[in-house]
Amino acid sequence: MEYEVLIFQDGAGFLAEVPALPGCRARGETEKEALARVRKSIRSYLRSIPASSQILSPLRVRRIKIGRARESGDLQPMPADDPVLQLSGLGQEAWQGIDPDEYVRRERESWA
């Protein structure tokens, strides 16, 4: 039986994760160590689930692009011509001079 394993590298070493087996992962100081440990994790995982359980294998792996991370960890802003950004801020003029806390207080009083 074969499983696809995703390998991630971080400051603590390597993480090997099996997408088809939720929660099945292992860490190692090297990629080789992480793979050896995840093999053991797969065996333990398969022994722990009922025989009737269905294990889904991914049909395909796709790569998607969502934006580049900045140093702060935030995504870069969307382009100014994005339709969602063109809608942002609409209706703000209706709220000019209104204190949100006062508005909520009055609304709550009207319910009593």
PDB file of N, CA and C in Angstrom:
ATOM      1  N   MET A   1       0.840  -1.168   0.000  1.00  0.00           N
ATOM      2  CA  MET A   1       0.000   0.000   0.000  1.00  0.00           C
ATOM      3  C   MET A   1       0.894   1.243   0.000  1.00  0.00           C
ATOM      4  N   GLU A   2       0.538   2.249  -0.762  1.00  0.00           N
ATOM      5  CA  GLU A   2       1.326   3.478  -0.842  1.00  0.00           C
ATOM      6  C   GLU A   2       0.469   4.676  -0.460  1.00  0.00           C
ATOM      7  N   TYR A   3       1.096   5.645   0.179  1.00  0.00           N
ATOM      8  CA  TYR A   3       0.429   6.885   0.551  1.00  0.00           C
ATOM      9  C   TYR A   3       1.300   8.057   0.141  1.00  0.00           C
ATOM     10  N   GLU A   4       0.662   9.135  -0.267  1.00  0.00           N
ATOM     11  CA  GLU A   4       1.397  10.362  -0.548  1.00  0.00           C
ATOM     12  C   GLU A   4       1.726  11.027   0.777  1.00  0.00           C
ATOM     13  N   VAL A   5       2.944  11.519   0.893  1.00  0.00           N
ATOM     14  CA  VAL A   5       3.400  12.171   2.113  1.00  0.00           C
ATOM     15  C   VAL A   5       3.881  13.572   1.757  1.00  0.00           C
ATOM     16  N   LEU A   6       3.395  14.551   2.489  1.00  0.00           N
ATOM     17  CA  LEU A   6       3.847  15.929   2.315  1.00  0.00           C
ATOM     18  C   LEU A   6       4.966  16.183   3.312  1.00  0.00           C
ATOM     19  N   ILE A   7       6.032  16.811   2.864  1.00  0.00           N
ATOM     20  CA  ILE A   7       7.178  17.116   3.718  1.00  0.00           C
ATOM     21  C   ILE A   7       7.275  18.636   3.873  1.00  0.00           C
ATOM     22  N   PHE A   8       7.318  19.083   5.114  1.00  0.00           N
ATOM     23  CA  PHE A   8       7.475  20.502   5.420  1.00  0.00           C
ATOM     24  C   PHE A   8       8.747  20.683   6.228  1.00  0.00           C
ATOM     25  N   GLN A   9       9.444  21.783   5.986  1.00  0.00           N
ATOM     26  CA  GLN A   9      10.631  22.097   6.776  1.00  0.00           C
ATOM     27  C   GLN A   9      10.374  23.371   7.559  1.00  0.00           C
ATOM     28  N   ASP A  10      10.675  23.323   8.853  1.00  0.00           N
ATOM     29  CA  ASP A  10      10.564  24.521   9.672  1.00  0.00           C
ATOM     30  C   ASP A  10      11.788  24.615  10.571  1.00  0.00           C
ATOM     31  N   GLY A  11      11.772  25.527  11.497  1.00  0.00           N
ATOM     32  CA  GLY A  11      12.923  25.725  12.366  1.00  0.00           C
ATOM     33  C   GLY A  11      13.245  24.533  13.251  1.00  0.00           C
ATOM     34  N   ALA A  12      12.256  23.661  13.481  1.00  0.00           N
ATOM     35  CA  ALA A  12      12.451  22.505  14.362  1.00  0.00           C
ATOM     36  C   ALA A  12      12.855  21.251  13.593  1.00  0.00           C
ATOM     37  N   GLY A  13      12.995  21.331  12.295  1.00  0.00           N
ATOM     38  CA  GLY A  13      13.348  20.156  11.498  1.00  0.00           C
ATOM     39  C   GLY A  13      12.354  19.934  10.383  1.00  0.00           C
ATOM     40  N   PHE A  14      11.857  18.696  10.286  1.00  0.00           N
ATOM     41  CA  PHE A  14      10.960  18.328   9.195  1.00  0.00           C
ATOM     42  C   PHE A  14       9.676  17.719   9.752  1.00  0.00           C
ATOM     43  N   LEU A  15       8.586  17.974   9.049  1.00  0.00           N
ATOM     44  CA  LEU A  15       7.290  17.389   9.383  1.00  0.00           C
ATOM     45  C   LEU A  15       6.816  16.616   8.165  1.00  0.00           C
ATOM     46  N   ALA A  16       6.460  15.353   8.366  1.00  0.00           N
ATOM     47  CA  ALA A  16       5.900  14.514   7.302  1.00  0.00           C
ATOM     48  C   ALA A  16       4.437  14.281   7.642  1.00  0.00           C
ATOM     49  N   GLU A  17       3.552  14.551   6.684  1.00  0.00           N
ATOM     50  CA  GLU A  17       2.114  14.456   6.918  1.00  0.00           C
ATOM     51  C   GLU A  17       1.470  13.652   5.806  1.00  0.00           C
ATOM     52  N   VAL A  18       0.493  12.807   6.168  1.00  0.00           N
ATOM     53  CA  VAL A  18      -0.197  11.947   5.207  1.00  0.00           C
ATOM     54  C   VAL A  18      -1.611  12.499   5.004  1.00  0.00           C
ATOM     55  N   PRO A  19      -1.891  13.196   3.891  1.00  0.00           N
ATOM     56  CA  PRO A  19      -3.203  13.806   3.683  1.00  0.00           C
ATOM     57  C   PRO A  19      -4.363  12.808   3.706  1.00  0.00           C
ATOM     58  N   ALA A  20      -4.145  11.589   3.248  1.00  0.00           N
ATOM     59  CA  ALA A  20      -5.224  10.601   3.190  1.00  0.00           C
ATOM     60  C   ALA A  20      -5.584  10.051   4.567  1.00  0.00           C
ATOM     61  N   LEU A  21      -4.736  10.285   5.562  1.00  0.00           N
ATOM     62  CA  LEU A  21      -4.973   9.792   6.922  1.00  0.00           C
ATOM     63  C   LEU A  21      -4.970  10.992   7.872  1.00  0.00           C
ATOM     64  N   PRO A  22      -6.122  11.608   8.085  1.00  0.00           N
ATOM     65  CA  PRO A  22      -6.188  12.834   8.883  1.00  0.00           C
ATOM     66  C   PRO A  22      -5.512  12.681  10.246  1.00  0.00           C
ATOM     67  N   GLY A  23      -4.610  13.595  10.528  1.00  0.00           N
ATOM     68  CA  GLY A  23      -3.906  13.589  11.801  1.00  0.00           C
ATOM     69  C   GLY A  23      -2.667  12.720  11.831  1.00  0.00           C
ATOM     70  N   CYS A  24      -2.389  12.007  10.758  1.00  0.00           N
ATOM     71  CA  CYS A  24      -1.221  11.123  10.712  1.00  0.00           C
ATOM     72  C   CYS A  24      -0.021  11.932  10.243  1.00  0.00           C
ATOM     73  N   ARG A  25       0.893  12.172  11.184  1.00  0.00           N
ATOM     74  CA  ARG A  25       2.080  12.970  10.872  1.00  0.00           C
ATOM     75  C   ARG A  25       3.187  12.602  11.832  1.00  0.00           C
ATOM     76  N   ALA A  26       4.395  12.994  11.482  1.00  0.00           N
ATOM     77  CA  ALA A  26       5.552  12.732  12.339  1.00  0.00           C
ATOM     78  C   ALA A  26       6.619  13.778  12.083  1.00  0.00           C
ATOM     79  N   ARG A  27       7.411  14.053  13.108  1.00  0.00           N
ATOM     80  CA  ARG A  27       8.506  15.017  13.017  1.00  0.00           C
ATOM     81  C   ARG A  27       9.843  14.300  13.053  1.00  0.00           C
ATOM     82  N   GLY A  28      10.840  14.947  12.490  1.00  0.00           N
ATOM     83  CA  GLY A  28      12.202  14.441  12.548  1.00  0.00           C
ATOM     84  C   GLY A  28      13.183  15.569  12.358  1.00  0.00           C
ATOM     85  N   GLU A  29      14.392  15.370  12.849  1.00  0.00           N
ATOM     86  CA  GLU A  29      15.421  16.399  12.667  1.00  0.00           C
ATOM     87  C   GLU A  29      15.862  16.479  11.213  1.00  0.00           C
ATOM     88  N   THR A  30      15.754  15.350  10.497  1.00  0.00           N
ATOM     89  CA  THR A  30      16.086  15.311   9.070  1.00  0.00           C
ATOM     90  C   THR A  30      14.866  14.807   8.310  1.00  0.00           C
ATOM     91  N   GLU A  31      14.879  15.009   6.997  1.00  0.00           N
ATOM     92  CA  GLU A  31      13.780  14.503   6.172  1.00  0.00           C
ATOM     93  C   GLU A  31      13.703  12.980   6.270  1.00  0.00           C
ATOM     94  N   LYS A  32      14.843  12.335   6.247  1.00  0.00           N
ATOM     95  CA  LYS A  32      14.895  10.873   6.325  1.00  0.00           C
ATOM     96  C   LYS A  32      14.288  10.377   7.639  1.00  0.00           C
ATOM     97  N   GLU A  33      14.605  11.044   8.735  1.00  0.00           N
ATOM     98  CA  GLU A  33      14.063  10.659  10.038  1.00  0.00           C
ATOM     99  C   GLU A  33      12.551  10.876  10.086  1.00  0.00           C
ATOM    100  N   ALA A  34      12.075  11.990   9.529  1.00  0.00           N
ATOM    101  CA  ALA A  34      10.636  12.261   9.507  1.00  0.00           C
ATOM    102  C   ALA A  34       9.902  11.198   8.695  1.00  0.00           C
ATOM    103  N   LEU A  35      10.479  10.785   7.558  1.00  0.00           N
ATOM    104  CA  LEU A  35       9.853   9.742   6.738  1.00  0.00           C
ATOM    105  C   LEU A  35       9.834   8.398   7.460  1.00  0.00           C
ATOM    106  N   ALA A  36      10.907   8.061   8.154  1.00  0.00           N
ATOM    107  CA  ALA A  36      10.943   6.801   8.903  1.00  0.00           C
ATOM    108  C   ALA A  36       9.888   6.812  10.004  1.00  0.00           C
ATOM    109  N   ARG A  37       9.757   7.934  10.678  1.00  0.00           N
ATOM    110  CA  ARG A  37       8.769   8.037  11.757  1.00  0.00           C
ATOM    111  C   ARG A  37       7.344   8.033  11.227  1.00  0.00           C
ATOM    112  N   VAL A  38       7.125   8.658  10.069  1.00  0.00           N
ATOM    113  CA  VAL A  38       5.759   8.679   9.543  1.00  0.00           C
ATOM    114  C   VAL A  38       5.345   7.291   9.062  1.00  0.00           C
ATOM    115  N   ARG A  39       6.290   6.469   8.631  1.00  0.00           N
ATOM    116  CA  ARG A  39       5.961   5.076   8.281  1.00  0.00           C
ATOM    117  C   ARG A  39       5.397   4.353   9.503  1.00  0.00           C
ATOM    118  N   LYS A  40       6.038   4.549  10.650  1.00  0.00           N
ATOM    119  CA  LYS A  40       5.544   3.948  11.895  1.00  0.00           C
ATOM    120  C   LYS A  40       4.171   4.511  12.254  1.00  0.00           C
ATOM    121  N   SER A  41       3.994   5.809  12.048  1.00  0.00           N
ATOM    122  CA  SER A  41       2.704   6.445  12.336  1.00  0.00           C
ATOM    123  C   SER A  41       1.601   5.882  11.451  1.00  0.00           C
ATOM    124  N   ILE A  42       1.920   5.631  10.176  1.00  0.00           N
ATOM    125  CA  ILE A  42       0.932   5.053   9.254  1.00  0.00           C
ATOM    126  C   ILE A  42       0.515   3.675   9.746  1.00  0.00           C
ATOM    127  N   ARG A  43       1.483   2.849  10.117  1.00  0.00           N
ATOM    128  CA  ARG A  43       1.157   1.502  10.616  1.00  0.00           C
ATOM    129  C   ARG A  43       0.275   1.583  11.859  1.00  0.00           C
ATOM    130  N   SER A  44       0.627   2.443  12.789  1.00  0.00           N
ATOM    131  CA  SER A  44      -0.171   2.607  14.011  1.00  0.00           C
ATOM    132  C   SER A  44      -1.570   3.109  13.683  1.00  0.00           C
ATOM    133  N   TYR A  45      -1.650   4.050  12.777  1.00  0.00           N
ATOM    134  CA  TYR A  45      -2.933   4.618  12.370  1.00  0.00           C
ATOM    135  C   TYR A  45      -3.833   3.527  11.800  1.00  0.00           C
ATOM    136  N   LEU A  46      -3.280   2.735  10.884  1.00  0.00           N
ATOM    137  CA  LEU A  46      -4.074   1.689  10.234  1.00  0.00           C
ATOM    138  C   LEU A  46      -4.500   0.612  11.226  1.00  0.00           C
ATOM    139  N   ARG A  47      -3.680   0.313  12.223  1.00  0.00           N
ATOM    140  CA  ARG A  47      -4.064  -0.667  13.244  1.00  0.00           C
ATOM    141  C   ARG A  47      -5.162  -0.131  14.149  1.00  0.00           C
ATOM    142  N   SER A  48      -5.219   1.182  14.321  1.00  0.00           N
ATOM    143  CA  SER A  48      -6.155   1.776  15.275  1.00  0.00           C
ATOM    144  C   SER A  48      -7.555   2.005  14.721  1.00  0.00           C
ATOM    145  N   ILE A  49      -7.733   1.942  13.412  1.00  0.00           N
ATOM    146  CA  ILE A  49      -9.060   2.203  12.843  1.00  0.00           C
ATOM    147  C   ILE A  49      -9.779   0.893  12.554  1.00  0.00           C
ATOM    148  N   PRO A  50     -11.116   0.894  12.628  1.00  0.00           N
ATOM    149  CA  PRO A  50     -11.866  -0.321  12.304  1.00  0.00           C
ATOM    150  C   PRO A  50     -11.634  -0.746  10.854  1.00  0.00           C
ATOM    151  N   ALA A  51     -11.692  -2.037  10.616  1.00  0.00           N
ATOM    152  CA  ALA A  51     -11.463  -2.574   9.267  1.00  0.00           C
ATOM    153  C   ALA A  51     -12.479  -2.036   8.269  1.00  0.00           C
ATOM    154  N   SER A  52     -13.661  -1.667   8.751  1.00  0.00           N
ATOM    155  CA  SER A  52     -14.716  -1.185   7.852  1.00  0.00           C
ATOM    156  C   SER A  52     -14.525   0.276   7.451  1.00  0.00           C
ATOM    157  N   SER A  53     -13.578   0.966   8.076  1.00  0.00           N
ATOM    158  CA  SER A  53     -13.354   2.378   7.755  1.00  0.00           C
ATOM    159  C   SER A  53     -12.836   2.523   6.334  1.00  0.00           C
ATOM    160  N   GLN A  54     -13.316   3.561   5.679  1.00  0.00           N
ATOM    161  CA  GLN A  54     -12.879   3.836   4.314  1.00  0.00           C
ATOM    162  C   GLN A  54     -11.794   4.907   4.343  1.00  0.00           C
ATOM    163  N   ILE A  55     -10.671   4.605   3.746  1.00  0.00           N
ATOM    164  CA  ILE A  55      -9.577   5.569   3.659  1.00  0.00           C
ATOM    165  C   ILE A  55      -9.573   6.132   2.247  1.00  0.00           C
ATOM    166  N   LEU A  56      -9.701   7.438   2.163  1.00  0.00           N
ATOM    167  CA  LEU A  56      -9.767   8.086   0.855  1.00  0.00           C
ATOM    168  C   LEU A  56      -8.374   8.467   0.378  1.00  0.00           C
ATOM    169  N   SER A  57      -8.072   8.101  -0.824  1.00  0.00           N
ATOM    170  CA  SER A  57      -6.835   8.550  -1.454  1.00  0.00           C
ATOM    171  C   SER A  57      -7.177   9.723  -2.354  1.00  0.00           C
ATOM    172  N   PRO A  58      -6.338  10.743  -2.369  1.00  0.00           N
ATOM    173  CA  PRO A  58      -6.647  11.889  -3.211  1.00  0.00           C
ATOM    174  C   PRO A  58      -6.646  11.515  -4.690  1.00  0.00           C
ATOM    175  N   LEU A  59      -7.608  12.057  -5.417  1.00  0.00           N
ATOM    176  CA  LEU A  59      -7.702  11.815  -6.849  1.00  0.00           C
ATOM    177  C   LEU A  59      -6.543  12.489  -7.579  1.00  0.00           C
ATOM    178  N   ARG A  60      -6.226  13.708  -7.160  1.00  0.00           N
ATOM    179  CA  ARG A  60      -5.119  14.447  -7.766  1.00  0.00           C
ATOM    180  C   ARG A  60      -4.698  15.548  -6.807  1.00  0.00           C
ATOM    181  N   VAL A  61      -3.536  16.037  -7.007  1.00  0.00           N
ATOM    182  CA  VAL A  61      -3.029  17.149  -6.219  1.00  0.00           C
ATOM    183  C   VAL A  61      -2.956  18.360  -7.128  1.00  0.00           C
ATOM    184  N   ARG A  62      -3.498  19.466  -6.680  1.00  0.00           N
ATOM    185  CA  ARG A  62      -3.475  20.712  -7.453  1.00  0.00           C
ATOM    186  C   ARG A  62      -2.758  21.775  -6.637  1.00  0.00           C
ATOM    187  N   ARG A  63      -2.100  22.673  -7.314  1.00  0.00           N
ATOM    188  CA  ARG A  63      -1.421  23.789  -6.662  1.00  0.00           C
ATOM    189  C   ARG A  63      -2.237  25.037  -6.962  1.00  0.00           C
ATOM    190  N   ILE A  64      -2.546  25.810  -5.919  1.00  0.00           N
ATOM    191  CA  ILE A  64      -3.294  27.049  -6.114  1.00  0.00           C
ATOM    192  C   ILE A  64      -2.475  28.214  -5.569  1.00  0.00           C
ATOM    193  N   LYS A  65      -2.685  29.381  -6.144  1.00  0.00           N
ATOM    194  CA  LYS A  65      -1.955  30.571  -5.732  1.00  0.00           C
ATOM    195  C   LYS A  65      -2.922  31.507  -5.023  1.00  0.00           C
ATOM    196  N   ILE A  66      -2.558  31.953  -3.824  1.00  0.00           N
ATOM    197  CA  ILE A  66      -3.438  32.845  -3.081  1.00  0.00           C
ATOM    198  C   ILE A  66      -2.801  34.191  -2.789  1.00  0.00           C
ATOM    199  N   GLY A  67      -1.560  34.367  -3.092  1.00  0.00           N
ATOM    200  CA  GLY A  67      -0.875  35.626  -2.817  1.00  0.00           C
ATOM    201  C   GLY A  67       0.438  35.346  -2.113  1.00  0.00           C
ATOM    202  N   ARG A  68       1.265  36.352  -2.052  1.00  0.00           N
ATOM    203  CA  ARG A  68       2.565  36.186  -1.400  1.00  0.00           C
ATOM    204  C   ARG A  68       2.512  36.754   0.003  1.00  0.00           C
ATOM    205  N   ALA A  69       3.134  36.071   0.936  1.00  0.00           N
ATOM    206  CA  ALA A  69       3.154  36.530   2.324  1.00  0.00           C
ATOM    207  C   ALA A  69       4.203  37.614   2.510  1.00  0.00           C
ATOM    208  N   ARG A  70       3.869  38.591   3.303  1.00  0.00           N
ATOM    209  CA  ARG A  70       4.834  39.617   3.688  1.00  0.00           C
ATOM    210  C   ARG A  70       5.589  39.119   4.914  1.00  0.00           C
ATOM    211  N   GLU A  71       6.520  39.901   5.383  1.00  0.00           N
ATOM    212  CA  GLU A  71       7.254  39.524   6.589  1.00  0.00           C
ATOM    213  C   GLU A  71       6.324  39.408   7.781  1.00  0.00           C
ATOM    214  N   SER A  72       5.277  40.226   7.822  1.00  0.00           N
ATOM    215  CA  SER A  72       4.353  40.201   8.952  1.00  0.00           C
ATOM    216  C   SER A  72       3.451  38.979   8.918  1.00  0.00           C
ATOM    217  N   GLY A  73       3.459  38.250   7.821  1.00  0.00           N
ATOM    218  CA  GLY A  73       2.602  37.076   7.703  1.00  0.00           C
ATOM    219  C   GLY A  73       1.284  37.366   7.003  1.00  0.00           C
ATOM    220  N   ASP A  74       1.002  38.638   6.732  1.00  0.00           N
ATOM    221  CA  ASP A  74      -0.233  38.999   6.040  1.00  0.00           C
ATOM    222  C   ASP A  74      -0.075  38.786   4.546  1.00  0.00           C
ATOM    223  N   LEU A  75      -1.176  38.605   3.872  1.00  0.00           N
ATOM    224  CA  LEU A  75      -1.141  38.515   2.420  1.00  0.00           C
ATOM    225  C   LEU A  75      -1.014  39.907   1.825  1.00  0.00           C
ATOM    226  N   GLN A  76      -0.419  39.992   0.665  1.00  0.00           N
ATOM    227  CA  GLN A  76      -0.327  41.276  -0.013  1.00  0.00           C
ATOM    228  C   GLN A  76      -1.725  41.710  -0.421  1.00  0.00           C
ATOM    229  N   PRO A  77      -1.966  43.002  -0.466  1.00  0.00           N
ATOM    230  CA  PRO A  77      -3.299  43.488  -0.814  1.00  0.00           C
ATOM    231  C   PRO A  77      -3.699  43.108  -2.235  1.00  0.00           C
ATOM    232  N   MET A  78      -5.024  43.007  -2.418  1.00  0.00           N
ATOM    233  CA  MET A  78      -5.542  42.709  -3.749  1.00  0.00           C
ATOM    234  C   MET A  78      -5.346  43.932  -4.633  1.00  0.00           C
ATOM    235  N   PRO A  79      -5.320  43.745  -5.952  1.00  0.00           N
ATOM    236  CA  PRO A  79      -5.171  44.884  -6.859  1.00  0.00           C
ATOM    237  C   PRO A  79      -6.319  45.877  -6.693  1.00  0.00           C
ATOM    238  N   ALA A  80      -6.033  47.155  -6.904  1.00  0.00           N
ATOM    239  CA  ALA A  80      -7.037  48.199  -6.712  1.00  0.00           C
ATOM    240  C   ALA A  80      -8.239  48.038  -7.630  1.00  0.00           C
ATOM    241  N   ASP A  81      -8.087  47.359  -8.757  1.00  0.00           N
ATOM    242  CA  ASP A  81      -9.212  47.195  -9.674  1.00  0.00           C
ATOM    243  C   ASP A  81     -10.067  45.973  -9.331  1.00  0.00           C
ATOM    244  N   ASP A  82      -9.814  45.325  -8.190  1.00  0.00           N
ATOM    245  CA  ASP A  82     -10.595  44.163  -7.783  1.00  0.00           C
ATOM    246  C   ASP A  82     -12.025  44.602  -7.463  1.00  0.00           C
ATOM    247  N   PRO A  83     -13.059  43.899  -7.987  1.00  0.00           N
ATOM    248  CA  PRO A  83     -14.448  44.314  -7.777  1.00  0.00           C
ATOM    249  C   PRO A  83     -14.853  44.362  -6.308  1.00  0.00           C
ATOM    250  N   VAL A  84     -14.298  43.495  -5.477  1.00  0.00           N
ATOM    251  CA  VAL A  84     -14.641  43.506  -4.055  1.00  0.00           C
ATOM    252  C   VAL A  84     -14.176  44.804  -3.410  1.00  0.00           C
ATOM    253  N   LEU A  85     -12.975  45.249  -3.755  1.00  0.00           N
ATOM    254  CA  LEU A  85     -12.475  46.495  -3.191  1.00  0.00           C
ATOM    255  C   LEU A  85     -13.269  47.697  -3.689  1.00  0.00           C
ATOM    256  N   GLN A  86     -13.808  47.613  -4.886  1.00  0.00           N
ATOM    257  CA  GLN A  86     -14.595  48.722  -5.417  1.00  0.00           C
ATOM    258  C   GLN A  86     -15.881  48.905  -4.618  1.00  0.00           C
ATOM    259  N   LEU A  87     -16.388  47.831  -3.989  1.00  0.00           N
ATOM    260  CA  LEU A  87     -17.599  47.919  -3.184  1.00  0.00           C
ATOM    261  C   LEU A  87     -17.317  48.344  -1.749  1.00  0.00           C
ATOM    262  N   SER A  88     -16.081  48.203  -1.299  1.00  0.00           N
ATOM    263  CA  SER A  88     -15.776  48.515   0.099  1.00  0.00           C
ATOM    264  C   SER A  88     -16.001  49.995   0.372  1.00  0.00           C
ATOM    265  N   GLY A  89     -16.576  50.268   1.516  1.00  0.00           N
ATOM    266  CA  GLY A  89     -16.805  51.649   1.918  1.00  0.00           C
ATOM    267  C   GLY A  89     -18.135  52.217   1.467  1.00  0.00           C
ATOM    268  N   LEU A  90     -18.864  51.514   0.603  1.00  0.00           N
ATOM    269  CA  LEU A  90     -20.161  52.026   0.170  1.00  0.00           C
ATOM    270  C   LEU A  90     -21.109  52.083   1.363  1.00  0.00           C
ATOM    271  N   GLY A  91     -21.835  53.149   1.498  1.00  0.00           N
ATOM    272  CA  GLY A  91     -22.794  53.304   2.587  1.00  0.00           C
ATOM    273  C   GLY A  91     -22.206  53.928   3.841  1.00  0.00           C
ATOM    274  N   GLN A  92     -20.902  54.192   3.855  1.00  0.00           N
ATOM    275  CA  GLN A  92     -20.294  54.775   5.052  1.00  0.00           C
ATOM    276  C   GLN A  92     -20.840  56.166   5.351  1.00  0.00           C
ATOM    277  N   GLU A  93     -21.210  56.898   4.317  1.00  0.00           N
ATOM    278  CA  GLU A  93     -21.702  58.254   4.540  1.00  0.00           C
ATOM    279  C   GLU A  93     -22.979  58.271   5.376  1.00  0.00           C
ATOM    280  N   ALA A  94     -23.760  57.200   5.336  1.00  0.00           N
ATOM    281  CA  ALA A  94     -24.986  57.126   6.125  1.00  0.00           C
ATOM    282  C   ALA A  94     -24.684  57.054   7.619  1.00  0.00           C
ATOM    283  N   TRP A  95     -23.479  56.638   7.986  1.00  0.00           N
ATOM    284  CA  TRP A  95     -23.104  56.475   9.391  1.00  0.00           C
ATOM    285  C   TRP A  95     -22.278  57.649   9.921  1.00  0.00           C
ATOM    286  N   GLN A  96     -22.083  58.699   9.119  1.00  0.00           N
ATOM    287  CA  GLN A  96     -21.287  59.850   9.550  1.00  0.00           C
ATOM    288  C   GLN A  96     -21.897  60.470  10.806  1.00  0.00           C
ATOM    289  N   GLY A  97     -21.078  60.693  11.828  1.00  0.00           N
ATOM    290  CA  GLY A  97     -21.540  61.361  13.044  1.00  0.00           C
ATOM    291  C   GLY A  97     -22.319  60.477  13.999  1.00  0.00           C
ATOM    292  N   ILE A  98     -22.436  59.200  13.731  1.00  0.00           N
ATOM    293  CA  ILE A  98     -23.178  58.297  14.611  1.00  0.00           C
ATOM    294  C   ILE A  98     -22.186  57.483  15.433  1.00  0.00           C
ATOM    295  N   ASP A  99     -22.351  57.527  16.754  1.00  0.00           N
ATOM    296  CA  ASP A  99     -21.498  56.752  17.649  1.00  0.00           C
ATOM    297  C   ASP A  99     -22.037  55.318  17.688  1.00  0.00           C
ATOM    298  N   PRO A 100     -21.232  54.322  17.312  1.00  0.00           N
ATOM    299  CA  PRO A 100     -21.712  52.936  17.277  1.00  0.00           C
ATOM    300  C   PRO A 100     -22.207  52.439  18.631  1.00  0.00           C
ATOM    301  N   ASP A 101     -21.526  52.811  19.713  1.00  0.00           N
ATOM    302  CA  ASP A 101     -21.955  52.366  21.043  1.00  0.00           C
ATOM    303  C   ASP A 101     -23.316  52.954  21.407  1.00  0.00           C
ATOM    304  N   GLU A 102     -23.497  54.229  21.087  1.00  0.00           N
ATOM    305  CA  GLU A 102     -24.777  54.887  21.359  1.00  0.00           C
ATOM    306  C   GLU A 102     -25.888  54.248  20.523  1.00  0.00           C
ATOM    307  N   TYR A 103     -25.604  53.945  19.289  1.00  0.00           N
ATOM    308  CA  TYR A 103     -26.589  53.301  18.414  1.00  0.00           C
ATOM    309  C   TYR A 103     -27.024  51.954  18.989  1.00  0.00           C
ATOM    310  N   VAL A 104     -26.063  51.144  19.410  1.00  0.00           N
ATOM    311  CA  VAL A 104     -26.380  49.825  19.969  1.00  0.00           C
ATOM    312  C   VAL A 104     -27.184  49.974  21.255  1.00  0.00           C
ATOM    313  N   ARG A 105     -26.792  50.939  22.116  1.00  0.00           N
ATOM    314  CA  ARG A 105     -27.522  51.151  23.370  1.00  0.00           C
ATOM    315  C   ARG A 105     -28.979  51.494  23.100  1.00  0.00           C
ATOM    316  N   ARG A 106     -29.217  52.390  22.153  1.00  0.00           N
ATOM    317  CA  ARG A 106     -30.595  52.785  21.828  1.00  0.00           C
ATOM    318  C   ARG A 106     -31.391  51.623  21.232  1.00  0.00           C
ATOM    319  N   GLU A 107     -30.744  50.841  20.386  1.00  0.00           N
ATOM    320  CA  GLU A 107     -31.424  49.676  19.815  1.00  0.00           C
ATOM    321  C   GLU A 107     -31.849  48.706  20.909  1.00  0.00           C
ATOM    322  N   ARG A 108     -30.944  48.436  21.845  1.00  0.00           N
ATOM    323  CA  ARG A 108     -31.260  47.513  22.940  1.00  0.00           C
ATOM    324  C   ARG A 108     -32.403  48.048  23.803  1.00  0.00           C
ATOM    325  N   GLU A 109     -32.394  49.346  24.060  1.00  0.00           N
ATOM    326  CA  GLU A 109     -33.472  49.949  24.848  1.00  0.00           C
ATOM    327  C   GLU A 109     -34.810  49.817  24.134  1.00  0.00           C
ATOM    328  N   SER A 110     -34.796  49.877  22.815  1.00  0.00           N
ATOM    329  CA  SER A 110     -36.055  49.792  22.061  1.00  0.00           C
ATOM    330  C   SER A 110     -36.654  48.386  22.102  1.00  0.00           C
ATOM    331  N   TRP A 111     -35.860  47.398  22.446  1.00  0.00           N
ATOM    332  CA  TRP A 111     -36.366  46.026  22.506  1.00  0.00           C
ATOM    333  C   TRP A 111     -37.118  45.760  23.813  1.00  0.00           C
ATOM    334  N   ALA A 112     -36.866  46.566  24.835  1.00  0.00           N
ATOM    335  CA  ALA A 112     -37.460  46.311  26.157  1.00  0.00           C
ATOM    336  C   ALA A 112     -38.911  46.715  26.218  1.00  0.00           C
TER     337      ALA A 112
END
